[in-house]
């Protein structure tokens, strides 16, 4: 999403987070492979440059962090390497859907180099509004995607997003729906696919049915099955073949959603089922 429209990073930093950035219509994606010999090659998620190639005015490093796995000092390395290459000021923007990760990367980064202490700008769950107005979602589709990613368990957020996409002209709707699906947690993705594929939903469009439906039932079944097994695997619970086969054979979406809820708390895979499952 940031790569397709680099101006999004500028708008988030300037308009949402109050960062003073140069005023220019020239915003482009920069080569994200930094080489600072004799060190190793380092590659952030995205590099964006404001201003003309001959005299860049400002650079932005965009990182998407789902957890705390990256050493914060790596962000400082990205900024320093970009500064060495472009000789302009550099801002680091970290997008974190997880509150713990957002708090982690919000801390000042001590690099170990005297005088160099980096403060990254972090866009976390508390910084992205829950967009429930379809008109607002349509006007700010990138922010609406992030709202789905972070607040998608609130059904009205996805309903607003679906309505906005139904009214989006051109080829943009599939692209933004894919952003939302790829960035969202499994349970949010399930709600998104169900709403987008439903012909009863006022925001339904021919695109939504074709893109998500695959005949709605098949897509919902497949997604729900994947989520049940994903949750068990993610929690480190061994899934015997007979349990996996039973989940794969199920075509009842309501039952699969019931198993999804149980998958988040059971202690063994067989505890997924109870006497009412039939």
C-alpha atoms as a PDB file:
ATOM      1  CA  UNK A   1       0.000   0.000   0.000  1.00  0.00           C
ATOM      2  CA  UNK A   2       2.795   2.422   0.879  1.00  0.00           C
ATOM      3  CA  UNK A   3       4.741   1.335  -2.190  1.00  0.00           C
ATOM      4  CA  UNK A   4       1.775   1.900  -4.510  1.00  0.00           C
ATOM      5  CA  UNK A   5       1.188   5.399  -3.135  1.00  0.00           C
ATOM      6  CA  UNK A   6       4.221   6.726  -1.184  1.00  0.00           C
ATOM      7  CA  UNK A   7       2.279   9.913  -0.421  1.00  0.00           C
ATOM      8  CA  UNK A   8       0.411   7.873   2.248  1.00  0.00           C
ATOM      9  CA  UNK A   9       3.505   7.893   4.498  1.00  0.00           C
ATOM     10  CA  UNK A  10       3.803  11.666   4.089  1.00  0.00           C
ATOM     11  CA  UNK A  11       0.122  12.186   4.932  1.00  0.00           C
ATOM     12  CA  UNK A  12       0.304   9.983   8.029  1.00  0.00           C
ATOM     13  CA  UNK A  13       3.400  11.718   9.391  1.00  0.00           C
ATOM     14  CA  UNK A  14       2.365  15.268   8.490  1.00  0.00           C
ATOM     15  CA  UNK A  15      -1.419  15.207   8.980  1.00  0.00           C
ATOM     16  CA  UNK A  16      -1.958  12.459  11.558  1.00  0.00           C
ATOM     17  CA  UNK A  17       1.221  12.718  13.639  1.00  0.00           C
ATOM     18  CA  UNK A  18       2.176  16.383  13.218  1.00  0.00           C
ATOM     19  CA  UNK A  19       5.677  15.861  11.777  1.00  0.00           C
ATOM     20  CA  UNK A  20       7.132  18.909  10.004  1.00  0.00           C
ATOM     21  CA  UNK A  21       8.012  17.676   6.506  1.00  0.00           C
ATOM     22  CA  UNK A  22       9.084  19.640   3.396  1.00  0.00           C
ATOM     23  CA  UNK A  23       6.225  20.834   1.204  1.00  0.00           C
ATOM     24  CA  UNK A  24       6.699  19.216  -2.200  1.00  0.00           C
ATOM     25  CA  UNK A  25       4.624  17.318  -4.727  1.00  0.00           C
ATOM     26  CA  UNK A  26       7.633  15.169  -5.645  1.00  0.00           C
ATOM     27  CA  UNK A  27       7.341  11.959  -3.644  1.00  0.00           C
ATOM     28  CA  UNK A  28       8.828   8.704  -4.917  1.00  0.00           C
ATOM     29  CA  UNK A  29       9.893   5.284  -3.726  1.00  0.00           C
ATOM     30  CA  UNK A  30      13.645   4.988  -3.196  1.00  0.00           C
ATOM     31  CA  UNK A  31      15.879   1.963  -3.692  1.00  0.00           C
ATOM     32  CA  UNK A  32      15.496   0.174  -0.354  1.00  0.00           C
ATOM     33  CA  UNK A  33      18.751  -1.790  -0.517  1.00  0.00           C
ATOM     34  CA  UNK A  34      21.318   0.145   1.508  1.00  0.00           C
ATOM     35  CA  UNK A  35      25.000  -0.642   1.117  1.00  0.00           C
ATOM     36  CA  UNK A  36      27.379   0.866   3.658  1.00  0.00           C
ATOM     37  CA  UNK A  37      30.576  -1.075   3.056  1.00  0.00           C
ATOM     38  CA  UNK A  38      32.231  -2.789   4.852  1.00  0.00           C
ATOM     39  CA  UNK A  39      28.935  -3.682   6.590  1.00  0.00           C
ATOM     40  CA  UNK A  40      26.365  -6.148   5.257  1.00  0.00           C
ATOM     41  CA  UNK A  41      23.539  -5.108   2.961  1.00  0.00           C
ATOM     42  CA  UNK A  42      20.491  -3.996   4.938  1.00  0.00           C
ATOM     43  CA  UNK A  43      16.977  -3.697   3.518  1.00  0.00           C
ATOM     44  CA  UNK A  44      14.000  -1.965   5.180  1.00  0.00           C
ATOM     45  CA  UNK A  45      10.436  -2.615   4.094  1.00  0.00           C
ATOM     46  CA  UNK A  46      10.223   0.611   2.097  1.00  0.00           C
ATOM     47  CA  UNK A  47      12.161   3.791   1.428  1.00  0.00           C
ATOM     48  CA  UNK A  48      10.435   7.003   0.289  1.00  0.00           C
ATOM     49  CA  UNK A  49      12.067  10.256  -0.818  1.00  0.00           C
ATOM     50  CA  UNK A  50      10.590  13.753  -0.973  1.00  0.00           C
ATOM     51  CA  UNK A  51      11.991  16.149  -3.547  1.00  0.00           C
ATOM     52  CA  UNK A  52      13.850  15.843  -6.850  1.00  0.00           C
ATOM     53  CA  UNK A  53      16.428  13.061  -7.362  1.00  0.00           C
ATOM     54  CA  UNK A  54      19.262  15.573  -7.731  1.00  0.00           C
ATOM     55  CA  UNK A  55      18.580  17.233  -4.371  1.00  0.00           C
ATOM     56  CA  UNK A  56      16.327  15.128  -2.107  1.00  0.00           C
ATOM     57  CA  UNK A  57      14.681  17.145   0.678  1.00  0.00           C
ATOM     58  CA  UNK A  58      13.680  14.374   3.084  1.00  0.00           C
ATOM     59  CA  UNK A  59      13.594  10.573   3.294  1.00  0.00           C
ATOM     60  CA  UNK A  60      11.121   8.285   5.077  1.00  0.00           C
ATOM     61  CA  UNK A  61      11.803   4.692   6.106  1.00  0.00           C
ATOM     62  CA  UNK A  62       8.576   2.664   6.489  1.00  0.00           C
ATOM     63  CA  UNK A  63       8.629  -0.533   8.553  1.00  0.00           C
ATOM     64  CA  UNK A  64       5.667  -2.823   9.258  1.00  0.00           C
ATOM     65  CA  UNK A  65       6.217  -4.617  12.583  1.00  0.00           C
ATOM     66  CA  UNK A  66       3.701  -7.188  13.806  1.00  0.00           C
ATOM     67  CA  UNK A  67       5.790  -8.087  16.878  1.00  0.00           C
ATOM     68  CA  UNK A  68       9.011  -7.219  18.750  1.00  0.00           C
ATOM     69  CA  UNK A  69      11.284  -9.472  16.709  1.00  0.00           C
ATOM     70  CA  UNK A  70      13.377  -6.711  15.091  1.00  0.00           C
ATOM     71  CA  UNK A  71      16.180  -5.115  17.103  1.00  0.00           C
ATOM     72  CA  UNK A  72      15.244  -1.397  17.336  1.00  0.00           C
ATOM     73  CA  UNK A  73      18.865  -0.504  16.597  1.00  0.00           C
ATOM     74  CA  UNK A  74      18.285  -1.866  13.095  1.00  0.00           C
ATOM     75  CA  UNK A  75      15.893   1.036  12.513  1.00  0.00           C
ATOM     76  CA  UNK A  76      18.682   3.410  13.464  1.00  0.00           C
ATOM     77  CA  UNK A  77      20.968   1.650  10.992  1.00  0.00           C
ATOM     78  CA  UNK A  78      18.396   2.125   8.239  1.00  0.00           C
ATOM     79  CA  UNK A  79      18.154   5.848   8.976  1.00  0.00           C
ATOM     80  CA  UNK A  80      21.924   6.310   9.142  1.00  0.00           C
ATOM     81  CA  UNK A  81      22.500   4.392   5.898  1.00  0.00           C
ATOM     82  CA  UNK A  82      19.831   6.398   4.089  1.00  0.00           C
ATOM     83  CA  UNK A  83      21.355   9.633   5.364  1.00  0.00           C
ATOM     84  CA  UNK A  84      24.791   8.550   4.132  1.00  0.00           C
ATOM     85  CA  UNK A  85      23.389   7.814   0.671  1.00  0.00           C
ATOM     86  CA  UNK A  86      21.113  10.842   0.219  1.00  0.00           C
ATOM     87  CA  UNK A  87      22.586  13.442   2.591  1.00  0.00           C
ATOM     88  CA  UNK A  88      19.144  14.590   3.768  1.00  0.00           C
ATOM     89  CA  UNK A  89      17.144  14.260   6.969  1.00  0.00           C
ATOM     90  CA  UNK A  90      15.474  10.883   7.551  1.00  0.00           C
ATOM     91  CA  UNK A  91      12.286   9.966   9.446  1.00  0.00           C
ATOM     92  CA  UNK A  92      11.465   6.379  10.458  1.00  0.00           C
ATOM     93  CA  UNK A  93       7.767   5.410  10.467  1.00  0.00           C
ATOM     94  CA  UNK A  94       6.889   2.088  12.118  1.00  0.00           C
ATOM     95  CA  UNK A  95       3.361   0.699  11.613  1.00  0.00           C
ATOM     96  CA  UNK A  96       2.388  -1.683  14.443  1.00  0.00           C
ATOM     97  CA  UNK A  97      -1.066  -3.308  14.679  1.00  0.00           C
ATOM     98  CA  UNK A  98      -0.064  -4.737  18.081  1.00  0.00           C
ATOM     99  CA  UNK A  99      -0.084  -2.409  21.119  1.00  0.00           C
ATOM    100  CA  UNK A 100       2.861  -4.160  22.748  1.00  0.00           C
ATOM    101  CA  UNK A 101       4.983  -3.802  19.620  1.00  0.00           C
ATOM    102  CA  UNK A 102       3.921  -0.162  19.246  1.00  0.00           C
ATOM    103  CA  UNK A 103       5.037   0.632  22.805  1.00  0.00           C
ATOM    104  CA  UNK A 104       8.304  -1.251  22.233  1.00  0.00           C
ATOM    105  CA  UNK A 105       9.317   0.710  19.126  1.00  0.00           C
ATOM    106  CA  UNK A 106       8.095   4.025  20.565  1.00  0.00           C
ATOM    107  CA  UNK A 107      11.019   4.112  22.986  1.00  0.00           C
ATOM    108  CA  UNK A 108      14.066   6.245  22.045  1.00  0.00           C
ATOM    109  CA  UNK A 109      16.677   4.040  20.407  1.00  0.00           C
ATOM    110  CA  UNK A 110      20.147   4.162  21.913  1.00  0.00           C
ATOM    111  CA  UNK A 111      22.464   3.224  19.071  1.00  0.00           C
ATOM    112  CA  UNK A 112      25.695   2.956  21.042  1.00  0.00           C
ATOM    113  CA  UNK A 113      27.139   5.823  18.986  1.00  0.00           C
ATOM    114  CA  UNK A 114      27.649   8.957  21.073  1.00  0.00           C
ATOM    115  CA  UNK A 115      25.226  11.682  20.075  1.00  0.00           C
ATOM    116  CA  UNK A 116      23.076   9.464  17.862  1.00  0.00           C
ATOM    117  CA  UNK A 117      19.760   8.586  19.464  1.00  0.00           C
ATOM    118  CA  UNK A 118      16.863   7.837  17.133  1.00  0.00           C
ATOM    119  CA  UNK A 119      13.206   8.439  17.907  1.00  0.00           C
ATOM    120  CA  UNK A 120      10.986   6.568  15.461  1.00  0.00           C
ATOM    121  CA  UNK A 121       7.404   7.621  14.800  1.00  0.00           C
ATOM    122  CA  UNK A 122       5.083   4.715  15.556  1.00  0.00           C
ATOM    123  CA  UNK A 123       1.581   4.333  14.155  1.00  0.00           C
ATOM    124  CA  UNK A 124      -0.121   1.974  16.602  1.00  0.00           C
ATOM    125  CA  UNK A 125      -3.686   0.843  17.363  1.00  0.00           C
ATOM    126  CA  UNK A 126      -4.404   3.933  19.454  1.00  0.00           C
ATOM    127  CA  UNK A 127      -3.358   6.232  16.582  1.00  0.00           C
ATOM    128  CA  UNK A 128      -5.665   4.757  13.930  1.00  0.00           C
ATOM    129  CA  UNK A 129      -9.350   5.670  14.330  1.00  0.00           C
ATOM    130  CA  UNK A 130     -12.105   3.086  14.002  1.00  0.00           C
ATOM    131  CA  UNK A 131     -13.711   4.309  10.777  1.00  0.00           C
ATOM    132  CA  UNK A 132     -17.418   3.434  10.774  1.00  0.00           C
ATOM    133  CA  UNK A 133     -18.590   6.091   8.290  1.00  0.00           C
ATOM    134  CA  UNK A 134     -18.569   4.778   4.691  1.00  0.00           C
ATOM    135  CA  UNK A 135     -18.004   8.270   3.280  1.00  0.00           C
ATOM    136  CA  UNK A 136     -14.966   8.777   5.492  1.00  0.00           C
ATOM    137  CA  UNK A 137     -13.683   5.328   4.515  1.00  0.00           C
ATOM    138  CA  UNK A 138     -14.099   6.160   0.820  1.00  0.00           C
ATOM    139  CA  UNK A 139     -12.261   9.464   1.252  1.00  0.00           C
ATOM    140  CA  UNK A 140      -9.321   7.830   3.075  1.00  0.00           C
ATOM    141  CA  UNK A 141      -9.071   4.281   1.756  1.00  0.00           C
ATOM    142  CA  UNK A 142      -5.530   3.657   3.021  1.00  0.00           C
ATOM    143  CA  UNK A 143      -6.525   4.705   6.537  1.00  0.00           C
ATOM    144  CA  UNK A 144      -9.690   2.589   6.206  1.00  0.00           C
ATOM    145  CA  UNK A 145      -7.537  -0.451   5.378  1.00  0.00           C
ATOM    146  CA  UNK A 146      -5.484   0.101   8.536  1.00  0.00           C
ATOM    147  CA  UNK A 147      -8.700   0.626  10.490  1.00  0.00           C
ATOM    148  CA  UNK A 148      -9.866  -2.804   9.321  1.00  0.00           C
ATOM    149  CA  UNK A 149      -6.497  -4.322  10.238  1.00  0.00           C
ATOM    150  CA  UNK A 150      -6.607  -2.907  13.780  1.00  0.00           C
ATOM    151  CA  UNK A 151     -10.328  -2.504  14.585  1.00  0.00           C
ATOM    152  CA  UNK A 152     -11.835  -5.122  12.270  1.00  0.00           C
ATOM    153  CA  UNK A 153     -13.337  -7.105  15.140  1.00  0.00           C
ATOM    154  CA  UNK A 154     -15.816  -4.216  15.326  1.00  0.00           C
ATOM    155  CA  UNK A 155     -18.227  -5.213  12.556  1.00  0.00           C
ATOM    156  CA  UNK A 156     -19.231  -1.636  11.684  1.00  0.00           C
ATOM    157  CA  UNK A 157     -15.643  -0.910  10.632  1.00  0.00           C
ATOM    158  CA  UNK A 158     -15.726  -3.660   8.012  1.00  0.00           C
ATOM    159  CA  UNK A 159     -19.238  -2.701   6.904  1.00  0.00           C
ATOM    160  CA  UNK A 160     -18.066   0.882   6.276  1.00  0.00           C
ATOM    161  CA  UNK A 161     -15.035  -0.402   4.373  1.00  0.00           C
ATOM    162  CA  UNK A 162     -17.170  -2.762   2.244  1.00  0.00           C
ATOM    163  CA  UNK A 163     -19.593   0.036   1.371  1.00  0.00           C
ATOM    164  CA  UNK A 164     -16.714   2.339   0.455  1.00  0.00           C
ATOM    165  CA  UNK A 165     -15.240  -0.292  -1.864  1.00  0.00           C
ATOM    166  CA  UNK A 166     -18.606  -0.865  -3.535  1.00  0.00           C
ATOM    167  CA  UNK A 167     -18.622   2.826  -4.474  1.00  0.00           C
ATOM    168  CA  UNK A 168     -14.965   2.916  -5.559  1.00  0.00           C
ATOM    169  CA  UNK A 169     -14.567   3.299  -9.307  1.00  0.00           C
ATOM    170  CA  UNK A 170     -11.857   1.820 -11.489  1.00  0.00           C
ATOM    171  CA  UNK A 171      -9.485  -0.963 -10.523  1.00  0.00           C
ATOM    172  CA  UNK A 172      -8.731   0.322  -7.028  1.00  0.00           C
ATOM    173  CA  UNK A 173     -11.265  -1.767  -5.079  1.00  0.00           C
ATOM    174  CA  UNK A 174      -9.561  -5.165  -5.603  1.00  0.00           C
ATOM    175  CA  UNK A 175      -6.233  -3.698  -4.606  1.00  0.00           C
ATOM    176  CA  UNK A 176      -7.515  -2.255  -1.322  1.00  0.00           C
ATOM    177  CA  UNK A 177      -9.453  -5.397  -0.481  1.00  0.00           C
ATOM    178  CA  UNK A 178      -6.262  -7.399  -0.918  1.00  0.00           C
ATOM    179  CA  UNK A 179      -4.413  -4.977   1.360  1.00  0.00           C
ATOM    180  CA  UNK A 180      -7.053  -5.466   4.057  1.00  0.00           C
ATOM    181  CA  UNK A 181      -7.047  -9.249   3.739  1.00  0.00           C
ATOM    182  CA  UNK A 182      -3.269  -9.592   3.788  1.00  0.00           C
ATOM    183  CA  UNK A 183      -2.801  -7.277   6.780  1.00  0.00           C
ATOM    184  CA  UNK A 184      -5.629  -8.528   9.004  1.00  0.00           C
ATOM    185  CA  UNK A 185      -5.726 -11.244  11.632  1.00  0.00           C
ATOM    186  CA  UNK A 186      -7.480 -14.494  10.583  1.00  0.00           C
ATOM    187  CA  UNK A 187     -10.681 -13.826  12.522  1.00  0.00           C
ATOM    188  CA  UNK A 188     -10.939 -10.320  11.018  1.00  0.00           C
ATOM    189  CA  UNK A 189     -10.340 -11.747   7.553  1.00  0.00           C
ATOM    190  CA  UNK A 190     -13.228 -14.173   8.042  1.00  0.00           C
ATOM    191  CA  UNK A 191     -15.649 -11.348   8.920  1.00  0.00           C
ATOM    192  CA  UNK A 192     -14.365  -9.312   5.975  1.00  0.00           C
ATOM    193  CA  UNK A 193     -14.865 -12.127   3.495  1.00  0.00           C
ATOM    194  CA  UNK A 194     -18.353 -12.943   4.787  1.00  0.00           C
ATOM    195  CA  UNK A 195     -19.528  -9.329   4.533  1.00  0.00           C
ATOM    196  CA  UNK A 196     -17.926  -8.700   1.158  1.00  0.00           C
ATOM    197  CA  UNK A 197     -19.355 -11.881  -0.367  1.00  0.00           C
ATOM    198  CA  UNK A 198     -22.894 -11.497   0.996  1.00  0.00           C
ATOM    199  CA  UNK A 199     -25.491 -10.449  -1.586  1.00  0.00           C
ATOM    200  CA  UNK A 200     -27.674  -9.270   1.318  1.00  0.00           C
ATOM    201  CA  UNK A 201     -25.165  -6.607   2.332  1.00  0.00           C
ATOM    202  CA  UNK A 202     -26.069  -3.121   0.944  1.00  0.00           C
ATOM    203  CA  UNK A 203     -22.420  -2.559   0.053  1.00  0.00           C
ATOM    204  CA  UNK A 204     -22.412  -5.664  -2.135  1.00  0.00           C
ATOM    205  CA  UNK A 205     -20.924  -5.195  -5.601  1.00  0.00           C
ATOM    206  CA  UNK A 206     -20.287  -7.527  -8.513  1.00  0.00           C
ATOM    207  CA  UNK A 207     -16.568  -7.172  -7.773  1.00  0.00           C
ATOM    208  CA  UNK A 208     -17.015  -8.205  -4.128  1.00  0.00           C
ATOM    209  CA  UNK A 209     -18.942 -11.325  -5.068  1.00  0.00           C
ATOM    210  CA  UNK A 210     -16.391 -12.354  -7.709  1.00  0.00           C
ATOM    211  CA  UNK A 211     -13.361 -11.438  -5.653  1.00  0.00           C
ATOM    212  CA  UNK A 212     -14.364 -12.949  -2.324  1.00  0.00           C
ATOM    213  CA  UNK A 213     -17.211 -15.279  -3.044  1.00  0.00           C
ATOM    214  CA  UNK A 214     -16.000 -18.115  -5.223  1.00  0.00           C
ATOM    215  CA  UNK A 215     -19.642 -18.973  -4.612  1.00  0.00           C
ATOM    216  CA  UNK A 216     -19.538 -17.461  -1.062  1.00  0.00           C
ATOM    217  CA  UNK A 217     -20.042 -20.800   0.698  1.00  0.00           C
ATOM    218  CA  UNK A 218     -16.857 -22.371  -0.650  1.00  0.00           C
ATOM    219  CA  UNK A 219     -14.754 -19.281   0.200  1.00  0.00           C
ATOM    220  CA  UNK A 220     -16.212 -18.973   3.695  1.00  0.00           C
ATOM    221  CA  UNK A 221     -15.762 -22.683   4.405  1.00  0.00           C
ATOM    222  CA  UNK A 222     -12.166 -22.686   3.243  1.00  0.00           C
ATOM    223  CA  UNK A 223     -11.300 -19.543   5.193  1.00  0.00           C
ATOM    224  CA  UNK A 224     -12.978 -20.769   8.362  1.00  0.00           C
ATOM    225  CA  UNK A 225     -11.216 -24.132   8.187  1.00  0.00           C
ATOM    226  CA  UNK A 226      -7.853 -22.438   7.726  1.00  0.00           C
ATOM    227  CA  UNK A 227      -8.473 -20.161  10.707  1.00  0.00           C
ATOM    228  CA  UNK A 228      -9.369 -23.043  13.060  1.00  0.00           C
ATOM    229  CA  UNK A 229      -6.219 -24.978  12.160  1.00  0.00           C
ATOM    230  CA  UNK A 230      -4.088 -21.820  12.129  1.00  0.00           C
ATOM    231  CA  UNK A 231      -5.111 -20.897  15.671  1.00  0.00           C
ATOM    232  CA  UNK A 232      -4.261 -24.375  16.964  1.00  0.00           C
ATOM    233  CA  UNK A 233      -0.910 -24.396  15.171  1.00  0.00           C
ATOM    234  CA  UNK A 234      -0.091 -20.855  16.332  1.00  0.00           C
ATOM    235  CA  UNK A 235      -0.709 -21.877  19.959  1.00  0.00           C
ATOM    236  CA  UNK A 236       1.658 -24.819  19.578  1.00  0.00           C
ATOM    237  CA  UNK A 237      -1.104 -27.421  19.920  1.00  0.00           C
ATOM    238  CA  UNK A 238      -0.479 -30.649  18.021  1.00  0.00           C
ATOM    239  CA  UNK A 239      -3.294 -31.425  15.585  1.00  0.00           C
ATOM    240  CA  UNK A 240      -3.824 -35.185  15.001  1.00  0.00           C
ATOM    241  CA  UNK A 241      -4.773 -36.284  11.500  1.00  0.00           C
ATOM    242  CA  UNK A 242      -8.313 -37.295  12.515  1.00  0.00           C
ATOM    243  CA  UNK A 243      -8.960 -33.823  13.976  1.00  0.00           C
ATOM    244  CA  UNK A 244      -7.530 -32.138  10.897  1.00  0.00           C
ATOM    245  CA  UNK A 245      -9.658 -34.377   8.664  1.00  0.00           C
ATOM    246  CA  UNK A 246     -12.825 -33.550  10.623  1.00  0.00           C
ATOM    247  CA  UNK A 247     -12.179 -29.814  10.323  1.00  0.00           C
ATOM    248  CA  UNK A 248     -11.386 -30.126   6.598  1.00  0.00           C
ATOM    249  CA  UNK A 249     -14.612 -32.062   5.989  1.00  0.00           C
ATOM    250  CA  UNK A 250     -16.881 -29.565   7.762  1.00  0.00           C
ATOM    251  CA  UNK A 251     -19.123 -27.410   5.543  1.00  0.00           C
ATOM    252  CA  UNK A 252     -21.114 -25.730   8.334  1.00  0.00           C
ATOM    253  CA  UNK A 253     -19.770 -22.170   8.640  1.00  0.00           C
ATOM    254  CA  UNK A 254     -21.541 -21.569  11.975  1.00  0.00           C
ATOM    255  CA  UNK A 255     -19.957 -24.701  13.426  1.00  0.00           C
ATOM    256  CA  UNK A 256     -16.555 -23.722  12.078  1.00  0.00           C
ATOM    257  CA  UNK A 257     -16.899 -20.301  13.714  1.00  0.00           C
ATOM    258  CA  UNK A 258     -17.834 -22.063  16.976  1.00  0.00           C
ATOM    259  CA  UNK A 259     -14.646 -24.132  16.669  1.00  0.00           C
ATOM    260  CA  UNK A 260     -12.680 -20.944  15.942  1.00  0.00           C
ATOM    261  CA  UNK A 261     -13.734 -19.498  19.302  1.00  0.00           C
ATOM    262  CA  UNK A 262     -12.873 -22.740  21.107  1.00  0.00           C
ATOM    263  CA  UNK A 263      -9.506 -22.983  19.285  1.00  0.00           C
ATOM    264  CA  UNK A 264      -8.290 -19.892  21.112  1.00  0.00           C
ATOM    265  CA  UNK A 265      -8.593 -21.528  24.559  1.00  0.00           C
ATOM    266  CA  UNK A 266      -8.603 -25.352  24.326  1.00  0.00           C
ATOM    267  CA  UNK A 267      -5.674 -27.290  25.762  1.00  0.00           C
ATOM    268  CA  UNK A 268      -5.750 -30.098  23.188  1.00  0.00           C
ATOM    269  CA  UNK A 269      -6.994 -30.335  19.603  1.00  0.00           C
ATOM    270  CA  UNK A 270      -9.673 -32.905  20.483  1.00  0.00           C
ATOM    271  CA  UNK A 271     -11.150 -30.485  23.033  1.00  0.00           C
ATOM    272  CA  UNK A 272     -12.226 -28.459  20.000  1.00  0.00           C
ATOM    273  CA  UNK A 273     -15.320 -30.659  19.675  1.00  0.00           C
ATOM    274  CA  UNK A 274     -18.169 -31.060  22.144  1.00  0.00           C
ATOM    275  CA  UNK A 275     -21.312 -33.208  22.307  1.00  0.00           C
ATOM    276  CA  UNK A 276     -23.436 -30.604  20.514  1.00  0.00           C
ATOM    277  CA  UNK A 277     -21.273 -30.726  17.375  1.00  0.00           C
ATOM    278  CA  UNK A 278     -23.062 -33.785  16.024  1.00  0.00           C
END
